[in-house]
PDB file of N, CA and C in Angstrom:
ATOM      1  N   MET A   1      -3.671 -10.280  23.300  1.00  0.00           N
ATOM      2  CA  MET A   1      -3.918  -8.904  22.908  1.00  0.00           C
ATOM      3  C   MET A   1      -2.632  -8.111  23.078  1.00  0.00           C
ATOM      4  N   ILE A   2      -2.348  -7.328  22.093  1.00  0.00           N
ATOM      5  CA  ILE A   2      -1.168  -6.458  22.115  1.00  0.00           C
ATOM      6  C   ILE A   2      -1.620  -5.079  22.573  1.00  0.00           C
ATOM      7  N   THR A   3      -0.875  -4.453  23.467  1.00  0.00           N
ATOM      8  CA  THR A   3      -1.190  -3.104  23.935  1.00  0.00           C
ATOM      9  C   THR A   3      -0.038  -2.184  23.535  1.00  0.00           C
ATOM     10  N   VAL A   4      -0.367  -1.081  22.870  1.00  0.00           N
ATOM     11  CA  VAL A   4       0.645  -0.103  22.441  1.00  0.00           C
ATOM     12  C   VAL A   4       0.141   1.298  22.752  1.00  0.00           C
ATOM     13  N   ASN A   5       1.082   2.243  22.871  1.00  0.00           N
ATOM     14  CA  ASN A   5       0.657   3.638  23.039  1.00  0.00           C
ATOM     15  C   ASN A   5       0.466   4.278  21.671  1.00  0.00           C
ATOM     16  N   THR A   6      -0.093   5.468  21.649  1.00  0.00           N
ATOM     17  CA  THR A   6      -0.440   6.102  20.370  1.00  0.00           C
ATOM     18  C   THR A   6       0.790   6.370  19.513  1.00  0.00           C
ATOM     19  N   HIS A   7       1.895   6.776  20.119  1.00  0.00           N
ATOM     20  CA  HIS A   7       3.108   7.047  19.343  1.00  0.00           C
ATOM     21  C   HIS A   7       3.618   5.764  18.691  1.00  0.00           C
ATOM     22  N   GLN A   8       3.654   4.688  19.472  1.00  0.00           N
ATOM     23  CA  GLN A   8       4.106   3.399  18.947  1.00  0.00           C
ATOM     24  C   GLN A   8       3.165   2.914  17.840  1.00  0.00           C
ATOM     25  N   ALA A   9       1.860   3.119  18.016  1.00  0.00           N
ATOM     26  CA  ALA A   9       0.895   2.706  16.990  1.00  0.00           C
ATOM     27  C   ALA A   9       1.111   3.491  15.708  1.00  0.00           C
ATOM     28  N   LYS A  10       1.405   4.777  15.851  1.00  0.00           N
ATOM     29  CA  LYS A  10       1.618   5.616  14.669  1.00  0.00           C
ATOM     30  C   LYS A  10       2.874   5.199  13.908  1.00  0.00           C
ATOM     31  N   THR A  11       3.946   4.915  14.616  1.00  0.00           N
ATOM     32  CA  THR A  11       5.199   4.593  13.943  1.00  0.00           C
ATOM     33  C   THR A  11       5.228   3.165  13.425  1.00  0.00           C
ATOM     34  N   GLN A  12       4.434   2.268  14.018  1.00  0.00           N
ATOM     35  CA  GLN A  12       4.464   0.862  13.619  1.00  0.00           C
ATOM     36  C   GLN A  12       3.132   0.394  13.042  1.00  0.00           C
ATOM     37  N   LEU A  13       2.334   1.300  12.506  1.00  0.00           N
ATOM     38  CA  LEU A  13       0.996   0.937  12.041  1.00  0.00           C
ATOM     39  C   LEU A  13       1.017  -0.172  10.997  1.00  0.00           C
ATOM     40  N   SER A  14       1.898  -0.093  10.020  1.00  0.00           N
ATOM     41  CA  SER A  14       1.948  -1.121   8.979  1.00  0.00           C
ATOM     42  C   SER A  14       2.241  -2.492   9.565  1.00  0.00           C
ATOM     43  N   ALA A  15       3.189  -2.565  10.480  1.00  0.00           N
ATOM     44  CA  ALA A  15       3.528  -3.844  11.107  1.00  0.00           C
ATOM     45  C   ALA A  15       2.378  -4.358  11.965  1.00  0.00           C
ATOM     46  N   LEU A  16       1.708  -3.459  12.682  1.00  0.00           N
ATOM     47  CA  LEU A  16       0.566  -3.871  13.512  1.00  0.00           C
ATOM     48  C   LEU A  16      -0.578  -4.386  12.639  1.00  0.00           C
ATOM     49  N   LEU A  17      -0.853  -3.703  11.540  1.00  0.00           N
ATOM     50  CA  LEU A  17      -1.902  -4.163  10.628  1.00  0.00           C
ATOM     51  C   LEU A  17      -1.559  -5.526  10.027  1.00  0.00           C
ATOM     52  N   ALA A  18      -0.303  -5.724   9.670  1.00  0.00           N
ATOM     53  CA  ALA A  18       0.119  -7.013   9.124  1.00  0.00           C
ATOM     54  C   ALA A  18      -0.062  -8.121  10.153  1.00  0.00           C
ATOM     55  N   GLN A  19       0.221  -7.816  11.414  1.00  0.00           N
ATOM     56  CA  GLN A  19       0.058  -8.822  12.464  1.00  0.00           C
ATOM     57  C   GLN A  19      -1.419  -9.146  12.696  1.00  0.00           C
ATOM     58  N   VAL A  20      -2.273  -8.132  12.695  1.00  0.00           N
ATOM     59  CA  VAL A  20      -3.707  -8.362  12.837  1.00  0.00           C
ATOM     60  C   VAL A  20      -4.212  -9.188  11.659  1.00  0.00           C
ATOM     61  N   GLU A  21      -3.744  -8.863  10.478  1.00  0.00           N
ATOM     62  CA  GLU A  21      -4.178  -9.572   9.278  1.00  0.00           C
ATOM     63  C   GLU A  21      -3.729 -11.036   9.286  1.00  0.00           C
ATOM     64  N   SER A  22      -2.501 -11.277   9.688  1.00  0.00           N
ATOM     65  CA  SER A  22      -1.973 -12.640   9.616  1.00  0.00           C
ATOM     66  C   SER A  22      -2.414 -13.524  10.782  1.00  0.00           C
ATOM     67  N   THR A  23      -2.461 -12.968  12.000  1.00  0.00           N
ATOM     68  CA  THR A  23      -2.763 -13.805  13.169  1.00  0.00           C
ATOM     69  C   THR A  23      -4.169 -13.600  13.710  1.00  0.00           C
ATOM     70  N   GLY A  24      -4.800 -12.485  13.371  1.00  0.00           N
ATOM     71  CA  GLY A  24      -6.125 -12.200  13.906  1.00  0.00           C
ATOM     72  C   GLY A  24      -6.090 -11.628  15.312  1.00  0.00           C
ATOM     73  N   GLU A  25      -4.894 -11.334  15.804  1.00  0.00           N
ATOM     74  CA  GLU A  25      -4.756 -10.803  17.153  1.00  0.00           C
ATOM     75  C   GLU A  25      -5.266  -9.357  17.215  1.00  0.00           C
ATOM     76  N   THR A  26      -5.811  -8.964  18.351  1.00  0.00           N
ATOM     77  CA  THR A  26      -6.337  -7.618  18.555  1.00  0.00           C
ATOM     78  C   THR A  26      -5.242  -6.730  19.130  1.00  0.00           C
ATOM     79  N   VAL A  27      -5.189  -5.480  18.663  1.00  0.00           N
ATOM     80  CA  VAL A  27      -4.232  -4.503  19.172  1.00  0.00           C
ATOM     81  C   VAL A  27      -5.013  -3.417  19.888  1.00  0.00           C
ATOM     82  N   LEU A  28      -4.678  -3.174  21.155  1.00  0.00           N
ATOM     83  CA  LEU A  28      -5.311  -2.131  21.957  1.00  0.00           C
ATOM     84  C   LEU A  28      -4.406  -0.915  21.947  1.00  0.00           C
ATOM     85  N   ILE A  29      -4.931   0.217  21.507  1.00  0.00           N
ATOM     86  CA  ILE A  29      -4.146   1.457  21.448  1.00  0.00           C
ATOM     87  C   ILE A  29      -4.556   2.327  22.628  1.00  0.00           C
ATOM     88  N   CYS A  30      -3.547   2.754  23.407  1.00  0.00           N
ATOM     89  CA  CYS A  30      -3.803   3.538  24.624  1.00  0.00           C
ATOM     90  C   CYS A  30      -3.163   4.912  24.528  1.00  0.00           C
ATOM     91  N   ARG A  31      -3.782   5.873  25.208  1.00  0.00           N
ATOM     92  CA  ARG A  31      -3.209   7.219  25.364  1.00  0.00           C
ATOM     93  C   ARG A  31      -3.134   7.472  26.864  1.00  0.00           C
ATOM     94  N   ASN A  32      -1.946   7.757  27.337  1.00  0.00           N
ATOM     95  CA  ASN A  32      -1.706   7.960  28.772  1.00  0.00           C
ATOM     96  C   ASN A  32      -2.203   6.772  29.590  1.00  0.00           C
ATOM     97  N   GLY A  33      -2.007   5.572  29.058  1.00  0.00           N
ATOM     98  CA  GLY A  33      -2.377   4.363  29.769  1.00  0.00           C
ATOM     99  C   GLY A  33      -3.853   4.008  29.714  1.00  0.00           C
ATOM    100  N   LYS A  34      -4.672   4.818  29.023  1.00  0.00           N
ATOM    101  CA  LYS A  34      -6.106   4.548  28.932  1.00  0.00           C
ATOM    102  C   LYS A  34      -6.458   4.110  27.512  1.00  0.00           C
ATOM    103  N   PRO A  35      -7.221   3.037  27.363  1.00  0.00           N
ATOM    104  CA  PRO A  35      -7.580   2.550  26.025  1.00  0.00           C
ATOM    105  C   PRO A  35      -8.412   3.572  25.252  1.00  0.00           C
ATOM    106  N   VAL A  36      -8.049   3.782  23.970  1.00  0.00           N
ATOM    107  CA  VAL A  36      -8.816   4.702  23.115  1.00  0.00           C
ATOM    108  C   VAL A  36      -9.306   4.035  21.831  1.00  0.00           C
ATOM    109  N   ALA A  37      -8.662   2.935  21.403  1.00  0.00           N
ATOM    110  CA  ALA A  37      -9.073   2.290  20.159  1.00  0.00           C
ATOM    111  C   ALA A  37      -8.540   0.864  20.114  1.00  0.00           C
ATOM    112  N   THR A  38      -9.156   0.080  19.229  1.00  0.00           N
ATOM    113  CA  THR A  38      -8.671  -1.279  19.001  1.00  0.00           C
ATOM    114  C   THR A  38      -8.545  -1.518  17.502  1.00  0.00           C
ATOM    115  N   LEU A  39      -7.565  -2.324  17.142  1.00  0.00           N
ATOM    116  CA  LEU A  39      -7.409  -2.789  15.769  1.00  0.00           C
ATOM    117  C   LEU A  39      -7.793  -4.259  15.764  1.00  0.00           C
ATOM    118  N   THR A  40      -8.810  -4.596  15.010  1.00  0.00           N
ATOM    119  CA  THR A  40      -9.239  -5.985  14.898  1.00  0.00           C
ATOM    120  C   THR A  40      -9.590  -6.276  13.450  1.00  0.00           C
ATOM    121  N   ARG A  41      -9.715  -7.560  13.145  1.00  0.00           N
ATOM    122  CA  ARG A  41     -10.184  -7.954  11.823  1.00  0.00           C
ATOM    123  C   ARG A  41     -11.659  -7.590  11.701  1.00  0.00           C
ATOM    124  N   PRO A  42     -12.096  -7.191  10.514  1.00  0.00           N
ATOM    125  CA  PRO A  42     -13.528  -6.935  10.327  1.00  0.00           C
ATOM    126  C   PRO A  42     -14.295  -8.250  10.308  1.00  0.00           C
ATOM    127  N   PRO A  43     -15.594  -8.213  10.621  1.00  0.00           N
ATOM    128  CA  PRO A  43     -16.392  -9.426  10.509  1.00  0.00           C
ATOM    129  C   PRO A  43     -16.379  -9.935   9.067  1.00  0.00           C
ATOM    130  N   ALA A  44     -16.543 -11.229   8.906  1.00  0.00           N
ATOM    131  CA  ALA A  44     -16.497 -11.831   7.569  1.00  0.00           C
ATOM    132  C   ALA A  44     -17.544 -11.236   6.641  1.00  0.00           C
ATOM    133  N   ALA A  45     -18.661 -10.766   7.191  1.00  0.00           N
ATOM    134  CA  ALA A  45     -19.720 -10.187   6.365  1.00  0.00           C
ATOM    135  C   ALA A  45     -19.267  -8.894   5.693  1.00  0.00           C
ATOM    136  N   LEU A  46     -18.306  -8.188   6.281  1.00  0.00           N
ATOM    137  CA  LEU A  46     -17.842  -6.922   5.705  1.00  0.00           C
ATOM    138  C   LEU A  46     -16.743  -7.107   4.663  1.00  0.00           C
ATOM    139  N   VAL A  47     -16.108  -8.257   4.646  1.00  0.00           N
ATOM    140  CA  VAL A  47     -15.055  -8.518   3.676  1.00  0.00           C
ATOM    141  C   VAL A  47     -15.724  -8.990   2.387  1.00  0.00           C
ATOM    142  N   THR A  48     -15.646  -8.156   1.368  1.00  0.00           N
ATOM    143  CA  THR A  48     -16.328  -8.469   0.117  1.00  0.00           C
ATOM    144  C   THR A  48     -15.354  -8.446  -1.050  1.00  0.00           C
ATOM    145  N   ASP A  49     -15.789  -9.020  -2.146  1.00  0.00           N
ATOM    146  CA  ASP A  49     -15.021  -8.985  -3.375  1.00  0.00           C
ATOM    147  C   ASP A  49     -15.266  -7.634  -4.045  1.00  0.00           C
ATOM    148  N   PRO A  50     -14.234  -6.829  -4.273  1.00  0.00           N
ATOM    149  CA  PRO A  50     -14.448  -5.513  -4.865  1.00  0.00           C
ATOM    150  C   PRO A  50     -15.008  -5.556  -6.281  1.00  0.00           C
ATOM    151  N   LEU A  51     -14.888  -6.703  -6.957  1.00  0.00           N
ATOM    152  CA  LEU A  51     -15.391  -6.821  -8.314  1.00  0.00           C
ATOM    153  C   LEU A  51     -16.759  -7.495  -8.387  1.00  0.00           C
ATOM    154  N   ALA A  52     -17.325  -7.827  -7.233  1.00  0.00           N
ATOM    155  CA  ALA A  52     -18.628  -8.489  -7.224  1.00  0.00           C
ATOM    156  C   ALA A  52     -19.728  -7.497  -7.588  1.00  0.00           C
ATOM    157  N   ARG A  53     -20.804  -8.010  -8.191  1.00  0.00           N
ATOM    158  CA  ARG A  53     -21.934  -7.173  -8.567  1.00  0.00           C
ATOM    159  C   ARG A  53     -22.680  -6.723  -7.317  1.00  0.00           C
ATOM    160  N   HIS A  54     -23.082  -5.452  -7.292  1.00  0.00           N
ATOM    161  CA  HIS A  54     -23.853  -4.929  -6.167  1.00  0.00           C
ATOM    162  C   HIS A  54     -25.230  -5.584  -6.163  1.00  0.00           C
ATOM    163  N   PRO A  55     -25.715  -6.034  -4.989  1.00  0.00           N
ATOM    164  CA  PRO A  55     -26.982  -6.776  -4.966  1.00  0.00           C
ATOM    165  C   PRO A  55     -28.194  -5.958  -5.395  1.00  0.00           C
ATOM    166  N   GLU A  56     -28.143  -4.641  -5.267  1.00  0.00           N
ATOM    167  CA  GLU A  56     -29.288  -3.819  -5.657  1.00  0.00           C
ATOM    168  C   GLU A  56     -29.262  -3.429  -7.128  1.00  0.00           C
ATOM    169  N   LEU A  57     -28.150  -3.662  -7.804  1.00  0.00           N
ATOM    170  CA  LEU A  57     -28.042  -3.287  -9.204  1.00  0.00           C
ATOM    171  C   LEU A  57     -28.334  -4.501 -10.078  1.00  0.00           C
ATOM    172  N   GLN A  58     -29.579  -4.684 -10.379  1.00  0.00           N
ATOM    173  CA  GLN A  58     -30.009  -5.791 -11.218  1.00  0.00           C
ATOM    174  C   GLN A  58     -30.505  -5.210 -12.540  1.00  0.00           C
ATOM    175  N   GLY A  59     -30.317  -5.899 -13.601  1.00  0.00           N
ATOM    176  CA  GLY A  59     -30.826  -5.426 -14.878  1.00  0.00           C
ATOM    177  C   GLY A  59     -30.028  -5.973 -16.037  1.00  0.00           C
ATOM    178  N   ARG A  60     -30.660  -5.892 -17.167  1.00  0.00           N
ATOM    179  CA  ARG A  60     -30.014  -6.346 -18.397  1.00  0.00           C
ATOM    180  C   ARG A  60     -30.241  -5.303 -19.475  1.00  0.00           C
ATOM    181  N   ILE A  61     -29.286  -5.184 -20.360  1.00  0.00           N
ATOM    182  CA  ILE A  61     -29.437  -4.296 -21.509  1.00  0.00           C
ATOM    183  C   ILE A  61     -30.122  -5.105 -22.602  1.00  0.00           C
ATOM    184  N   LEU A  62     -31.280  -4.640 -23.049  1.00  0.00           N
ATOM    185  CA  LEU A  62     -32.080  -5.386 -24.013  1.00  0.00           C
ATOM    186  C   LEU A  62     -31.908  -4.876 -25.437  1.00  0.00           C
ATOM    187  N   TYR A  63     -30.793  -4.198 -25.695  1.00  0.00           N
ATOM    188  CA  TYR A  63     -30.519  -3.707 -27.037  1.00  0.00           C
ATOM    189  C   TYR A  63     -29.012  -3.751 -27.253  1.00  0.00           C
ATOM    190  N   ASP A  64     -28.610  -3.539 -28.475  1.00  0.00           N
ATOM    191  CA  ASP A  64     -27.187  -3.516 -28.791  1.00  0.00           C
ATOM    192  C   ASP A  64     -26.672  -2.089 -28.580  1.00  0.00           C
ATOM    193  N   PRO A  65     -25.873  -1.836 -27.546  1.00  0.00           N
ATOM    194  CA  PRO A  65     -25.430  -0.466 -27.261  1.00  0.00           C
ATOM    195  C   PRO A  65     -24.473   0.097 -28.305  1.00  0.00           C
ATOM    196  N   THR A  66     -23.971  -0.733 -29.214  1.00  0.00           N
ATOM    197  CA  THR A  66     -23.069  -0.233 -30.251  1.00  0.00           C
ATOM    198  C   THR A  66     -23.816   0.163 -31.518  1.00  0.00           C
ATOM    199  N   GLU A  67     -25.103  -0.135 -31.572  1.00  0.00           N
ATOM    200  CA  GLU A  67     -25.902   0.186 -32.753  1.00  0.00           C
ATOM    201  C   GLU A  67     -26.235   1.686 -32.732  1.00  0.00           C
ATOM    202  N   PRO A  68     -26.165   2.366 -33.874  1.00  0.00           N
ATOM    203  CA  PRO A  68     -26.441   3.806 -33.899  1.00  0.00           C
ATOM    204  C   PRO A  68     -27.896   4.094 -33.548  1.00  0.00           C
ATOM    205  N   ALA A  69     -28.129   5.235 -32.890  1.00  0.00           N
ATOM    206  CA  ALA A  69     -29.481   5.629 -32.504  1.00  0.00           C
ATOM    207  C   ALA A  69     -30.244   6.134 -33.728  1.00  0.00           C
ATOM    208  N   THR A  70     -31.525   5.803 -33.799  1.00  0.00           N
ATOM    209  CA  THR A  70     -32.392   6.273 -34.883  1.00  0.00           C
ATOM    210  C   THR A  70     -33.124   7.526 -34.421  1.00  0.00           C
ATOM    211  N   ASP A  71     -33.845   8.177 -35.349  1.00  0.00           N
ATOM    212  CA  ASP A  71     -34.613   9.368 -34.985  1.00  0.00           C
ATOM    213  C   ASP A  71     -35.677   9.050 -33.938  1.00  0.00           C
ATOM    214  N   GLU A  72     -36.242   7.854 -33.975  1.00  0.00           N
ATOM    215  CA  GLU A  72     -37.265   7.479 -33.006  1.00  0.00           C
ATOM    216  C   GLU A  72     -36.702   7.306 -31.598  1.00  0.00           C
ATOM    217  N   ASP A  73     -35.402   7.056 -31.498  1.00  0.00           N
ATOM    218  CA  ASP A  73     -34.770   6.879 -30.190  1.00  0.00           C
ATOM    219  C   ASP A  73     -34.610   8.202 -29.445  1.00  0.00           C
ATOM    220  N   TRP A  74     -34.578   9.309 -30.184  1.00  0.00           N
ATOM    221  CA  TRP A  74     -34.370  10.615 -29.555  1.00  0.00           C
ATOM    222  C   TRP A  74     -35.722  11.256 -29.218  1.00  0.00           C
ATOM    223  N   PRO A  75     -35.829  11.985 -28.114  1.00  0.00           N
ATOM    224  CA  PRO A  75     -37.069  12.717 -27.830  1.00  0.00           C
ATOM    225  C   PRO A  75     -37.236  13.855 -28.838  1.00  0.00           C
ATOM    226  N   LEU A  76     -38.467  14.291 -29.023  1.00  0.00           N
ATOM    227  CA  LEU A  76     -38.749  15.341 -30.020  1.00  0.00           C
ATOM    228  C   LEU A  76     -37.984  16.626 -29.717  1.00  0.00           C
ATOM    229  N   SER A  77     -37.789  16.930 -28.434  1.00  0.00           N
ATOM    230  CA  SER A  77     -37.090  18.160 -28.093  1.00  0.00           C
ATOM    231  C   SER A  77     -35.601  18.117 -28.451  1.00  0.00           C
ATOM    232  N   ALA A  78     -35.058  16.942 -28.678  1.00  0.00           N
ATOM    233  CA  ALA A  78     -33.644  16.820 -28.991  1.00  0.00           C
ATOM    234  C   ALA A  78     -33.370  16.599 -30.466  1.00  0.00           C
ATOM    235  N   ARG A  79     -34.409  16.474 -31.283  1.00  0.00           N
ATOM    236  CA  ARG A  79     -34.213  16.206 -32.707  1.00  0.00           C
ATOM    237  C   ARG A  79     -33.867  17.446 -33.461  1.00  0.00           C
TER     238      ARG A  79
END
Protein backbone atom coordinates (compact mmCIF):
# COMPACT_ATOMS: atom_id res chain seq x y z
CA MET A 1 0.00 0.00 0.00
CA ILE A 2 1.24 3.43 -0.92
CA THR A 3 0.59 6.28 1.54
CA VAL A 4 0.61 9.90 0.32
CA ASN A 5 -0.55 13.23 1.71
CA THR A 6 -3.28 15.26 0.03
CA HIS A 7 -0.87 17.69 -1.65
CA GLN A 8 1.20 14.85 -3.09
CA ALA A 9 -1.99 13.08 -4.25
CA LYS A 10 -3.18 16.23 -5.97
CA THR A 11 0.07 16.87 -7.82
CA GLN A 12 0.69 13.22 -8.75
CA LEU A 13 -2.88 12.00 -9.32
CA SER A 14 -2.30 10.83 -12.90
CA ALA A 15 0.77 8.82 -11.91
CA LEU A 16 -1.01 7.33 -8.89
CA LEU A 17 -4.00 6.32 -11.02
CA ALA A 18 -1.69 4.73 -13.59
CA GLN A 19 0.01 2.75 -10.83
CA VAL A 20 -3.31 1.56 -9.40
CA GLU A 21 -4.45 0.62 -12.89
CA SER A 22 -1.30 -1.27 -13.82
CA THR A 23 -0.40 -3.00 -10.54
CA GLY A 24 -3.67 -3.02 -8.61
CA GLU A 25 -1.92 -1.50 -5.61
CA THR A 26 -4.00 0.58 -3.18
CA VAL A 27 -3.11 4.21 -2.45
CA LEU A 28 -4.00 5.64 0.97
CA ILE A 29 -4.46 9.42 0.98
CA CYS A 30 -3.88 11.13 4.34
CA ARG A 31 -4.47 14.63 5.69
CA ASN A 32 -2.31 15.60 8.67
CA GLY A 33 -1.25 11.97 8.98
CA LYS A 34 -4.85 10.67 9.21
CA PRO A 35 -6.35 8.53 6.42
CA VAL A 36 -9.17 10.25 4.48
CA ALA A 37 -9.48 8.25 1.24
CA THR A 38 -8.21 5.30 -0.74
CA LEU A 39 -7.62 4.77 -4.45
CA THR A 40 -8.33 1.21 -5.49
CA ARG A 41 -9.44 -0.67 -8.57
CA PRO A 42 -13.22 -0.99 -8.88
CA PRO A 43 -14.74 -4.45 -8.51
CA ALA A 44 -14.92 -6.38 -11.78
CA ALA A 45 -18.72 -6.12 -11.71
CA LEU A 46 -18.49 -2.32 -12.10
CA VAL A 47 -16.15 -2.41 -15.08
CA THR A 48 -18.44 -2.54 -18.08
CA ASP A 49 -18.26 -2.13 -21.82
CA PRO A 50 -19.52 1.40 -22.60
CA LEU A 51 -20.99 0.16 -25.89
CA ALA A 52 -22.85 -2.80 -24.39
CA ARG A 53 -26.65 -2.86 -24.50
CA HIS A 54 -28.35 -1.86 -21.24
CA PRO A 55 -30.01 -4.95 -19.71
CA GLU A 56 -33.32 -3.17 -19.10
CA LEU A 57 -33.60 -1.82 -22.64
CA GLN A 58 -35.06 -4.71 -24.58
CA GLY A 59 -37.10 -4.36 -27.72
CA ARG A 60 -37.21 -4.51 -31.44
CA ILE A 61 -38.48 -2.11 -34.06
CA LEU A 62 -41.20 -3.95 -35.97
CA TYR A 63 -41.45 -1.49 -38.85
CA ASP A 64 -39.19 0.24 -41.32
CA PRO A 65 -38.27 3.58 -39.67
CA THR A 66 -37.28 5.06 -43.04
CA GLU A 67 -40.72 4.51 -44.56
CA PRO A 68 -42.89 7.67 -44.70
CA ALA A 69 -45.75 7.92 -42.19
CA THR A 70 -49.30 7.52 -43.52
CA ASP A 71 -52.40 9.40 -42.35
CA GLU A 72 -53.37 6.40 -40.22
CA ASP A 73 -50.05 6.62 -38.36
CA TRP A 74 -50.86 10.10 -37.04
CA PRO A 75 -53.41 10.71 -34.25
CA LEU A 76 -56.55 12.60 -35.29
CA SER A 77 -55.51 15.65 -33.29
CA ALA A 78 -52.31 15.96 -35.33
CA ARG A 79 -53.80 15.53 -38.80
